[in-house]
Amino acid sequence: SDGGPREIGATRSIEIPDLGLIVDRLFAYSREP
């Protein structure tokens, strides 16, 4: 919903049946071997 994949500050959301909306903001990302 804001920013791009794996971009610090990006937000993602999902509507989970019977539970409701979840909105997360990415603040750290690391990919190593």
Full PDB file with SEQRES, HELIX, SHEET, SSBOND, CRYST1, ORIGX, SCALE, CONECT and MASTER records, all heavy atoms in Angstrom:
SEQRES   1 A   33  SER ASP GLY GLY PRO ARG GLU ILE GLY ALA THR ARG SER          
SEQRES   2 A   33  ILE GLU ILE PRO ASP LEU GLY LEU ILE VAL ASP ARG LEU          
SEQRES   3 A   33  PHE ALA TYR SER ARG GLU PRO                                  
SHEET    1 AA1 2 THR A  11  ILE A  16  0                                        
SHEET    2 AA1 2 GLY A  20  ARG A  25 -1                                        
CRYST1    1.000    1.000    1.000  90.00  90.00  90.00 P 1           1          
ORIGX1      1.000000  0.000000  0.000000        0.00000                         
ORIGX2      0.000000  1.000000  0.000000        0.00000                         
ORIGX3      0.000000  0.000000  1.000000        0.00000                         
SCALE1      1.000000  0.000000  0.000000        0.00000                         
SCALE2      0.000000  1.000000  0.000000        0.00000                         
SCALE3      0.000000  0.000000  1.000000        0.00000                         
ATOM      1  N   SER A   1       0.816  -1.208   0.000  1.00  0.00           N  
ATOM      2  CA  SER A   1       0.000   0.000   0.000  1.00  0.00           C  
ATOM      3  C   SER A   1       0.850   1.259   0.000  1.00  0.00           C  
ATOM      4  O   SER A   1       0.341   2.342  -0.239  1.00  0.00           O  
ATOM      5  CB  SER A   1      -0.966  -0.010   1.183  1.00  0.00           C  
ATOM      6  OG  SER A   1      -0.301  -0.328   2.372  1.00  0.00           O  
ATOM      7  N   ASP A   2       2.127   1.121   0.247  1.00  0.00           N  
ATOM      8  CA  ASP A   2       3.034   2.263   0.267  1.00  0.00           C  
ATOM      9  C   ASP A   2       4.451   1.748   0.069  1.00  0.00           C  
ATOM     10  O   ASP A   2       4.862   0.821   0.753  1.00  0.00           O  
ATOM     11  CB  ASP A   2       2.935   2.961   1.626  1.00  0.00           C  
ATOM     12  CG  ASP A   2       2.999   4.463   1.548  1.00  0.00           C  
ATOM     13  OD1 ASP A   2       3.045   4.995   0.431  1.00  0.00           O  
ATOM     14  OD2 ASP A   2       2.993   5.096   2.613  1.00  0.00           O  
ATOM     15  N   GLY A   3       5.195   2.315  -0.873  1.00  0.00           N  
ATOM     16  CA  GLY A   3       6.561   1.868  -1.101  1.00  0.00           C  
ATOM     17  C   GLY A   3       6.609   0.576  -1.901  1.00  0.00           C  
ATOM     18  O   GLY A   3       5.590   0.062  -2.342  1.00  0.00           O  
ATOM     19  N   GLY A   4       7.816   0.064  -2.071  1.00  0.00           N  
ATOM     20  CA  GLY A   4       8.004  -1.151  -2.849  1.00  0.00           C  
ATOM     21  C   GLY A   4       8.450  -2.312  -1.996  1.00  0.00           C  
ATOM     22  O   GLY A   4       8.842  -2.140  -0.840  1.00  0.00           O  
ATOM     23  N   PRO A   5       8.403  -3.529  -2.554  1.00  0.00           N  
ATOM     24  CA  PRO A   5       8.846  -4.708  -1.803  1.00  0.00           C  
ATOM     25  C   PRO A   5      10.269  -4.529  -1.267  1.00  0.00           C  
ATOM     26  O   PRO A   5      11.138  -4.029  -1.970  1.00  0.00           O  
ATOM     27  CB  PRO A   5       8.798  -5.825  -2.848  1.00  0.00           C  
ATOM     28  CG  PRO A   5       7.829  -5.347  -3.871  1.00  0.00           C  
ATOM     29  CD  PRO A   5       7.982  -3.851  -3.905  1.00  0.00           C  
ATOM     30  N   ARG A   6      10.457  -4.907  -0.036  1.00  0.00           N  
ATOM     31  CA  ARG A   6      11.763  -4.887   0.636  1.00  0.00           C  
ATOM     32  C   ARG A   6      12.332  -3.480   0.815  1.00  0.00           C  
ATOM     33  O   ARG A   6      13.490  -3.310   1.142  1.00  0.00           O  
ATOM     34  CB  ARG A   6      12.745  -5.816  -0.089  1.00  0.00           C  
ATOM     35  CG  ARG A   6      12.302  -7.269  -0.023  1.00  0.00           C  
ATOM     36  CD  ARG A   6      13.054  -8.166  -0.952  1.00  0.00           C  
ATOM     37  NE  ARG A   6      12.781  -7.959  -2.360  1.00  0.00           N  
ATOM     38  CZ  ARG A   6      11.663  -8.315  -3.001  1.00  0.00           C  
ATOM     39  NH1 ARG A   6      10.692  -8.878  -2.341  1.00  0.00           N  
ATOM     40  NH2 ARG A   6      11.536  -8.108  -4.286  1.00  0.00           N  
ATOM     41  N   GLU A   7      11.530  -2.459   0.620  1.00  0.00           N  
ATOM     42  CA  GLU A   7      11.956  -1.073   0.789  1.00  0.00           C  
ATOM     43  C   GLU A   7      11.617  -0.624   2.216  1.00  0.00           C  
ATOM     44  O   GLU A   7      10.451  -0.698   2.638  1.00  0.00           O  
ATOM     45  CB  GLU A   7      11.212  -0.203  -0.224  1.00  0.00           C  
ATOM     46  CG  GLU A   7      11.536   1.264  -0.168  1.00  0.00           C  
ATOM     47  CD  GLU A   7      10.710   2.026  -1.192  1.00  0.00           C  
ATOM     48  OE1 GLU A   7      10.781   1.684  -2.394  1.00  0.00           O  
ATOM     49  OE2 GLU A   7       9.972   2.941  -0.783  1.00  0.00           O  
ATOM     50  N   ILE A   8      12.632  -0.191   2.961  1.00  0.00           N  
ATOM     51  CA  ILE A   8      12.400   0.254   4.334  1.00  0.00           C  
ATOM     52  C   ILE A   8      11.354   1.369   4.324  1.00  0.00           C  
ATOM     53  O   ILE A   8      11.434   2.300   3.523  1.00  0.00           O  
ATOM     54  CB  ILE A   8      13.724   0.732   4.991  1.00  0.00           C  
ATOM     55  CG1 ILE A   8      14.772  -0.380   4.977  1.00  0.00           C  
ATOM     56  CG2 ILE A   8      13.477   1.252   6.408  1.00  0.00           C  
ATOM     57  CD1 ILE A   8      14.371  -1.661   5.654  1.00  0.00           C  
ATOM     58  N   GLY A   9      10.356   1.228   5.189  1.00  0.00           N  
ATOM     59  CA  GLY A   9       9.253   2.181   5.254  1.00  0.00           C  
ATOM     60  C   GLY A   9       8.035   1.754   4.464  1.00  0.00           C  
ATOM     61  O   GLY A   9       6.966   2.342   4.594  1.00  0.00           O  
ATOM     62  N   ALA A  10       8.173   0.707   3.636  1.00  0.00           N  
ATOM     63  CA  ALA A  10       7.042   0.216   2.847  1.00  0.00           C  
ATOM     64  C   ALA A  10       5.976  -0.364   3.768  1.00  0.00           C  
ATOM     65  O   ALA A  10       6.282  -0.871   4.855  1.00  0.00           O  
ATOM     66  CB  ALA A  10       7.519  -0.857   1.866  1.00  0.00           C  
ATOM     67  N   THR A  11       4.725  -0.289   3.341  1.00  0.00           N  
ATOM     68  CA  THR A  11       3.642  -0.901   4.109  1.00  0.00           C  
ATOM     69  C   THR A  11       2.956  -1.966   3.269  1.00  0.00           C  
ATOM     70  O   THR A  11       2.887  -1.867   2.046  1.00  0.00           O  
ATOM     71  CB  THR A  11       2.600   0.134   4.587  1.00  0.00           C  
ATOM     72  OG1 THR A  11       2.084   0.833   3.460  1.00  0.00           O  
ATOM     73  CG2 THR A  11       3.203   1.111   5.575  1.00  0.00           C  
ATOM     74  N   ARG A  12       2.475  -2.981   3.952  1.00  0.00           N  
ATOM     75  CA  ARG A  12       1.722  -4.058   3.320  1.00  0.00           C  
ATOM     76  C   ARG A  12       0.466  -4.264   4.154  1.00  0.00           C  
ATOM     77  O   ARG A  12       0.432  -3.924   5.348  1.00  0.00           O  
ATOM     78  CB  ARG A  12       2.539  -5.355   3.258  1.00  0.00           C  
ATOM     79  CG  ARG A  12       2.799  -5.939   4.630  1.00  0.00           C  
ATOM     80  CD  ARG A  12       3.581  -7.223   4.578  1.00  0.00           C  
ATOM     81  NE  ARG A  12       3.723  -7.767   5.932  1.00  0.00           N  
ATOM     82  CZ  ARG A  12       4.280  -8.914   6.215  1.00  0.00           C  
ATOM     83  NH1 ARG A  12       4.786  -9.650   5.254  1.00  0.00           N  
ATOM     84  NH2 ARG A  12       4.369  -9.338   7.457  1.00  0.00           N  
ATOM     85  N   SER A  13      -0.559  -4.837   3.543  1.00  0.00           N  
ATOM     86  CA  SER A  13      -1.787  -5.094   4.289  1.00  0.00           C  
ATOM     87  C   SER A  13      -2.431  -6.383   3.792  1.00  0.00           C  
ATOM     88  O   SER A  13      -2.191  -6.830   2.670  1.00  0.00           O  
ATOM     89  CB  SER A  13      -2.764  -3.924   4.141  1.00  0.00           C  
ATOM     90  OG  SER A  13      -3.105  -3.731   2.782  1.00  0.00           O  
ATOM     91  N   ILE A  14      -3.250  -6.955   4.678  1.00  0.00           N  
ATOM     92  CA  ILE A  14      -4.011  -8.150   4.334  1.00  0.00           C  
ATOM     93  C   ILE A  14      -5.275  -8.164   5.186  1.00  0.00           C  
ATOM     94  O   ILE A  14      -5.257  -7.771   6.359  1.00  0.00           O  
ATOM     95  CB  ILE A  14      -3.194  -9.451   4.540  1.00  0.00           C  
ATOM     96  CG1 ILE A  14      -3.914 -10.650   3.935  1.00  0.00           C  
ATOM     97  CG2 ILE A  14      -2.861  -9.666   6.005  1.00  0.00           C  
ATOM     98  CD1 ILE A  14      -3.079 -11.910   3.833  1.00  0.00           C  
ATOM     99  N   GLU A  15      -6.353  -8.593   4.575  1.00  0.00           N  
ATOM    100  CA  GLU A  15      -7.617  -8.796   5.291  1.00  0.00           C  
ATOM    101  C   GLU A  15      -7.707 -10.282   5.599  1.00  0.00           C  
ATOM    102  O   GLU A  15      -7.752 -11.116   4.684  1.00  0.00           O  
ATOM    103  CB  GLU A  15      -8.793  -8.351   4.425  1.00  0.00           C  
ATOM    104  CG  GLU A  15     -10.127  -8.441   5.109  1.00  0.00           C  
ATOM    105  CD  GLU A  15     -10.384  -7.307   6.096  1.00  0.00           C  
ATOM    106  OE1 GLU A  15      -9.865  -6.199   5.903  1.00  0.00           O  
ATOM    107  OE2 GLU A  15     -11.112  -7.556   7.074  1.00  0.00           O  
ATOM    108  N   ILE A  16      -7.704 -10.648   6.870  1.00  0.00           N  
ATOM    109  CA  ILE A  16      -7.755 -12.048   7.286  1.00  0.00           C  
ATOM    110  C   ILE A  16      -9.200 -12.374   7.671  1.00  0.00           C  
ATOM    111  O   ILE A  16      -9.747 -11.732   8.573  1.00  0.00           O  
ATOM    112  CB  ILE A  16      -6.803 -12.319   8.473  1.00  0.00           C  
ATOM    113  CG1 ILE A  16      -5.367 -11.956   8.076  1.00  0.00           C  
ATOM    114  CG2 ILE A  16      -6.898 -13.778   8.912  1.00  0.00           C  
ATOM    115  CD1 ILE A  16      -4.379 -12.018   9.216  1.00  0.00           C  
ATOM    116  N   PRO A  17      -9.812 -13.348   6.977  1.00  0.00           N  
ATOM    117  CA  PRO A  17     -11.202 -13.687   7.293  1.00  0.00           C  
ATOM    118  C   PRO A  17     -11.384 -13.968   8.784  1.00  0.00           C  
ATOM    119  O   PRO A  17     -10.549 -14.614   9.413  1.00  0.00           O  
ATOM    120  CB  PRO A  17     -11.465 -14.950   6.460  1.00  0.00           C  
ATOM    121  CG  PRO A  17     -10.468 -14.875   5.349  1.00  0.00           C  
ATOM    122  CD  PRO A  17      -9.249 -14.200   5.933  1.00  0.00           C  
ATOM    123  N   ASP A  18     -12.447 -13.468   9.328  1.00  0.00           N  
ATOM    124  CA  ASP A  18     -12.827 -13.632  10.739  1.00  0.00           C  
ATOM    125  C   ASP A  18     -11.913 -12.899  11.721  1.00  0.00           C  
ATOM    126  O   ASP A  18     -12.145 -12.945  12.924  1.00  0.00           O  
ATOM    127  CB  ASP A  18     -12.905 -15.112  11.136  1.00  0.00           C  
ATOM    128  CG  ASP A  18     -13.904 -15.890  10.307  1.00  0.00           C  
ATOM    129  OD1 ASP A  18     -14.970 -15.323   9.963  1.00  0.00           O  
ATOM    130  OD2 ASP A  18     -13.622 -17.055   9.972  1.00  0.00           O  
ATOM    131  N   LEU A  19     -10.838 -12.266  11.236  1.00  0.00           N  
ATOM    132  CA  LEU A  19      -9.940 -11.549  12.141  1.00  0.00           C  
ATOM    133  C   LEU A  19      -9.862 -10.056  11.820  1.00  0.00           C  
ATOM    134  O   LEU A  19      -9.775  -9.237  12.712  1.00  0.00           O  
ATOM    135  CB  LEU A  19      -8.535 -12.157  12.117  1.00  0.00           C  
ATOM    136  CG  LEU A  19      -8.421 -13.583  12.630  1.00  0.00           C  
ATOM    137  CD1 LEU A  19      -6.989 -14.087  12.502  1.00  0.00           C  
ATOM    138  CD2 LEU A  19      -8.885 -13.684  14.075  1.00  0.00           C  
ATOM    139  N   GLY A  20      -9.837  -9.707  10.541  1.00  0.00           N  
ATOM    140  CA  GLY A  20      -9.806  -8.299  10.164  1.00  0.00           C  
ATOM    141  C   GLY A  20      -8.529  -7.886   9.463  1.00  0.00           C  
ATOM    142  O   GLY A  20      -7.717  -8.708   9.056  1.00  0.00           O  
ATOM    143  N   LEU A  21      -8.357  -6.578   9.358  1.00  0.00           N  
ATOM    144  CA  LEU A  21      -7.254  -5.981   8.613  1.00  0.00           C  
ATOM    145  C   LEU A  21      -5.980  -5.911   9.451  1.00  0.00           C  
ATOM    146  O   LEU A  21      -6.014  -5.564  10.629  1.00  0.00           O  
ATOM    147  CB  LEU A  21      -7.648  -4.559   8.171  1.00  0.00           C  
ATOM    148  CG  LEU A  21      -6.615  -3.792   7.356  1.00  0.00           C  
ATOM    149  CD1 LEU A  21      -6.447  -4.417   5.976  1.00  0.00           C  
ATOM    150  CD2 LEU A  21      -7.041  -2.335   7.230  1.00  0.00           C  
ATOM    151  N   ILE A  22      -4.859  -6.215   8.791  1.00  0.00           N  
ATOM    152  CA  ILE A  22      -3.533  -6.056   9.380  1.00  0.00           C  
ATOM    153  C   ILE A  22      -2.737  -5.164   8.440  1.00  0.00           C  
ATOM    154  O   ILE A  22      -2.702  -5.405   7.234  1.00  0.00           O  
ATOM    155  CB  ILE A  22      -2.810  -7.421   9.529  1.00  0.00           C  
ATOM    156  CG1 ILE A  22      -3.529  -8.303  10.532  1.00  0.00           C  
ATOM    157  CG2 ILE A  22      -1.350  -7.246   9.918  1.00  0.00           C  
ATOM    158  CD1 ILE A  22      -3.434  -7.853  11.961  1.00  0.00           C  
ATOM    159  N   VAL A  23      -2.075  -4.150   8.978  1.00  0.00           N  
ATOM    160  CA  VAL A  23      -1.211  -3.276   8.197  1.00  0.00           C  
ATOM    161  C   VAL A  23       0.143  -3.221   8.893  1.00  0.00           C  
ATOM    162  O   VAL A  23       0.224  -2.895  10.079  1.00  0.00           O  
ATOM    163  CB  VAL A  23      -1.794  -1.847   8.056  1.00  0.00           C  
ATOM    164  CG1 VAL A  23      -0.873  -0.985   7.189  1.00  0.00           C  
ATOM    165  CG2 VAL A  23      -3.203  -1.878   7.479  1.00  0.00           C  
ATOM    166  N   ASP A  24       1.211  -3.569   8.152  1.00  0.00           N  
ATOM    167  CA  ASP A  24       2.581  -3.605   8.683  1.00  0.00           C  
ATOM    168  C   ASP A  24       3.458  -2.609   7.940  1.00  0.00           C  
ATOM    169  O   ASP A  24       3.268  -2.391   6.745  1.00  0.00           O  
ATOM    170  CB  ASP A  24       3.223  -4.983   8.453  1.00  0.00           C  
ATOM    171  CG  ASP A  24       2.528  -6.121   9.152  1.00  0.00           C  
ATOM    172  OD1 ASP A  24       1.869  -5.882  10.166  1.00  0.00           O  
ATOM    173  OD2 ASP A  24       2.673  -7.258   8.670  1.00  0.00           O  
ATOM    174  N   ARG A  25       4.464  -2.079   8.649  1.00  0.00           N  
ATOM    175  CA  ARG A  25       5.478  -1.220   8.023  1.00  0.00           C  
ATOM    176  C   ARG A  25       6.846  -1.863   8.230  1.00  0.00           C  
ATOM    177  O   ARG A  25       7.236  -2.196   9.345  1.00  0.00           O  
ATOM    178  CB  ARG A  25       5.458   0.174   8.630  1.00  0.00           C  
ATOM    179  CG  ARG A  25       6.557   1.076   8.013  1.00  0.00           C  
ATOM    180  CD  ARG A  25       6.378   2.546   8.322  1.00  0.00           C  
ATOM    181  NE  ARG A  25       5.182   3.025   7.632  1.00  0.00           N  
ATOM    182  CZ  ARG A  25       4.141   3.587   8.239  1.00  0.00           C  
ATOM    183  NH1 ARG A  25       4.135   3.753   9.529  1.00  0.00           N  
ATOM    184  NH2 ARG A  25       3.102   3.986   7.543  1.00  0.00           N  
ATOM    185  N   LEU A  26       7.583  -2.040   7.144  1.00  0.00           N  
ATOM    186  CA  LEU A  26       8.907  -2.658   7.170  1.00  0.00           C  
ATOM    187  C   LEU A  26       9.935  -1.684   7.747  1.00  0.00           C  
ATOM    188  O   LEU A  26      10.012  -0.545   7.318  1.00  0.00           O  
ATOM    189  CB  LEU A  26       9.314  -3.046   5.746  1.00  0.00           C  
ATOM    190  CG  LEU A  26      10.624  -3.804   5.575  1.00  0.00           C  
ATOM    191  CD1 LEU A  26      10.526  -5.199   6.192  1.00  0.00           C  
ATOM    192  CD2 LEU A  26      10.969  -3.912   4.089  1.00  0.00           C  
ATOM    193  N   PHE A  27      10.717  -2.141   8.749  1.00  0.00           N  
ATOM    194  CA  PHE A  27      11.764  -1.262   9.285  1.00  0.00           C  
ATOM    195  C   PHE A  27      13.157  -1.878   9.270  1.00  0.00           C  
ATOM    196  O   PHE A  27      14.135  -1.196   9.560  1.00  0.00           O  
ATOM    197  CB  PHE A  27      11.404  -0.709  10.669  1.00  0.00           C  
ATOM    198  CG  PHE A  27      11.354  -1.702  11.789  1.00  0.00           C  
ATOM    199  CD1 PHE A  27      12.508  -2.076  12.461  1.00  0.00           C  
ATOM    200  CD2 PHE A  27      10.148  -2.222  12.214  1.00  0.00           C  
ATOM    201  CE1 PHE A  27      12.463  -2.976  13.510  1.00  0.00           C  
ATOM    202  CE2 PHE A  27      10.085  -3.113  13.267  1.00  0.00           C  
ATOM    203  CZ  PHE A  27      11.251  -3.492  13.913  1.00  0.00           C  
ATOM    204  N   ALA A  28      13.287  -3.145   8.890  1.00  0.00           N  
ATOM    205  CA  ALA A  28      14.616  -3.754   8.741  1.00  0.00           C  
ATOM    206  C   ALA A  28      14.502  -4.907   7.750  1.00  0.00           C  
ATOM    207  O   ALA A  28      13.488  -5.605   7.712  1.00  0.00           O  
ATOM    208  CB  ALA A  28      15.137  -4.259  10.078  1.00  0.00           C  
ATOM    209  N   TYR A  29      15.570  -5.088   6.948  1.00  0.00           N  
ATOM    210  CA  TYR A  29      15.575  -6.155   5.946  1.00  0.00           C  
ATOM    211  C   TYR A  29      17.008  -6.603   5.725  1.00  0.00           C  
ATOM    212  O   TYR A  29      17.909  -5.780   5.584  1.00  0.00           O  
ATOM    213  CB  TYR A  29      14.982  -5.653   4.616  1.00  0.00           C  
ATOM    214  CG  TYR A  29      14.774  -6.760   3.620  1.00  0.00           C  
ATOM    215  CD1 TYR A  29      13.578  -7.468   3.594  1.00  0.00           C  
ATOM    216  CD2 TYR A  29      15.758  -7.119   2.708  1.00  0.00           C  
ATOM    217  CE1 TYR A  29      13.378  -8.498   2.688  1.00  0.00           C  
ATOM    218  CE2 TYR A  29      15.566  -8.146   1.804  1.00  0.00           C  
ATOM    219  CZ  TYR A  29      14.377  -8.832   1.803  1.00  0.00           C  
ATOM    220  OH  TYR A  29      14.180  -9.860   0.920  1.00  0.00           O  
ATOM    221  N   SER A  30      17.207  -7.929   5.687  1.00  0.00           N  
ATOM    222  CA  SER A  30      18.546  -8.469   5.469  1.00  0.00           C  
ATOM    223  C   SER A  30      18.445  -9.754   4.668  1.00  0.00           C  
ATOM    224  O   SER A  30      17.613 -10.620   4.978  1.00  0.00           O  
ATOM    225  CB  SER A  30      19.221  -8.752   6.813  1.00  0.00           C  
ATOM    226  OG  SER A  30      20.451  -9.402   6.622  1.00  0.00           O  
ATOM    227  N   ARG A  31      19.294  -9.866   3.654  1.00  0.00           N  
ATOM    228  CA  ARG A  31      19.338 -11.108   2.883  1.00  0.00           C  
ATOM    229  C   ARG A  31      20.795 -11.481   2.676  1.00  0.00           C  
ATOM    230  O   ARG A  31      21.543 -10.770   2.011  1.00  0.00           O  
ATOM    231  CB  ARG A  31      18.637 -10.939   1.546  1.00  0.00           C  
ATOM    232  CG  ARG A  31      18.592 -12.245   0.795  1.00  0.00           C  
ATOM    233  CD  ARG A  31      17.448 -12.333  -0.142  1.00  0.00           C  
ATOM    234  NE  ARG A  31      17.427 -13.687  -0.684  1.00  0.00           N  
ATOM    235  CZ  ARG A  31      16.829 -14.013  -1.776  1.00  0.00           C  
ATOM    236  NH1 ARG A  31      16.174 -13.112  -2.457  1.00  0.00           N  
ATOM    237  NH2 ARG A  31      16.851 -15.254  -2.204  1.00  0.00           N  
ATOM    238  N   GLU A  32      21.185 -12.582   3.293  1.00  0.00           N  
ATOM    239  CA  GLU A  32      22.548 -13.093   3.202  1.00  0.00           C  
ATOM    240  C   GLU A  32      22.490 -14.553   2.767  1.00  0.00           C  
ATOM    241  O   GLU A  32      21.418 -15.159   2.800  1.00  0.00           O  
ATOM    242  CB  GLU A  32      23.240 -12.938   4.553  1.00  0.00           C  
ATOM    243  CG  GLU A  32      23.355 -11.470   4.974  1.00  0.00           C  
ATOM    244  CD  GLU A  32      24.045 -11.281   6.303  1.00  0.00           C  
ATOM    245  OE1 GLU A  32      24.757 -12.203   6.737  1.00  0.00           O  
ATOM    246  OE2 GLU A  32      23.857 -10.219   6.898  1.00  0.00           O  
ATOM    247  N   PRO A  33      23.620 -15.148   2.373  1.00  0.00           N  
ATOM    248  CA  PRO A  33      23.587 -16.520   1.866  1.00  0.00           C  
ATOM    249  C   PRO A  33      22.987 -17.561   2.825  1.00  0.00           C  
ATOM    250  O   PRO A  33      22.306 -18.481   2.378  1.00  0.00           O  
ATOM    251  CB  PRO A  33      25.062 -16.838   1.591  1.00  0.00           C  
ATOM    252  CG  PRO A  33      25.684 -15.501   1.340  1.00  0.00           C  
ATOM    253  CD  PRO A  33      24.950 -14.546   2.242  1.00  0.00           C  
TER     254      PRO A  33                                                      
MASTER        0    0    0    0    2    0    0    6  253    1    0    3          
END                                                                             
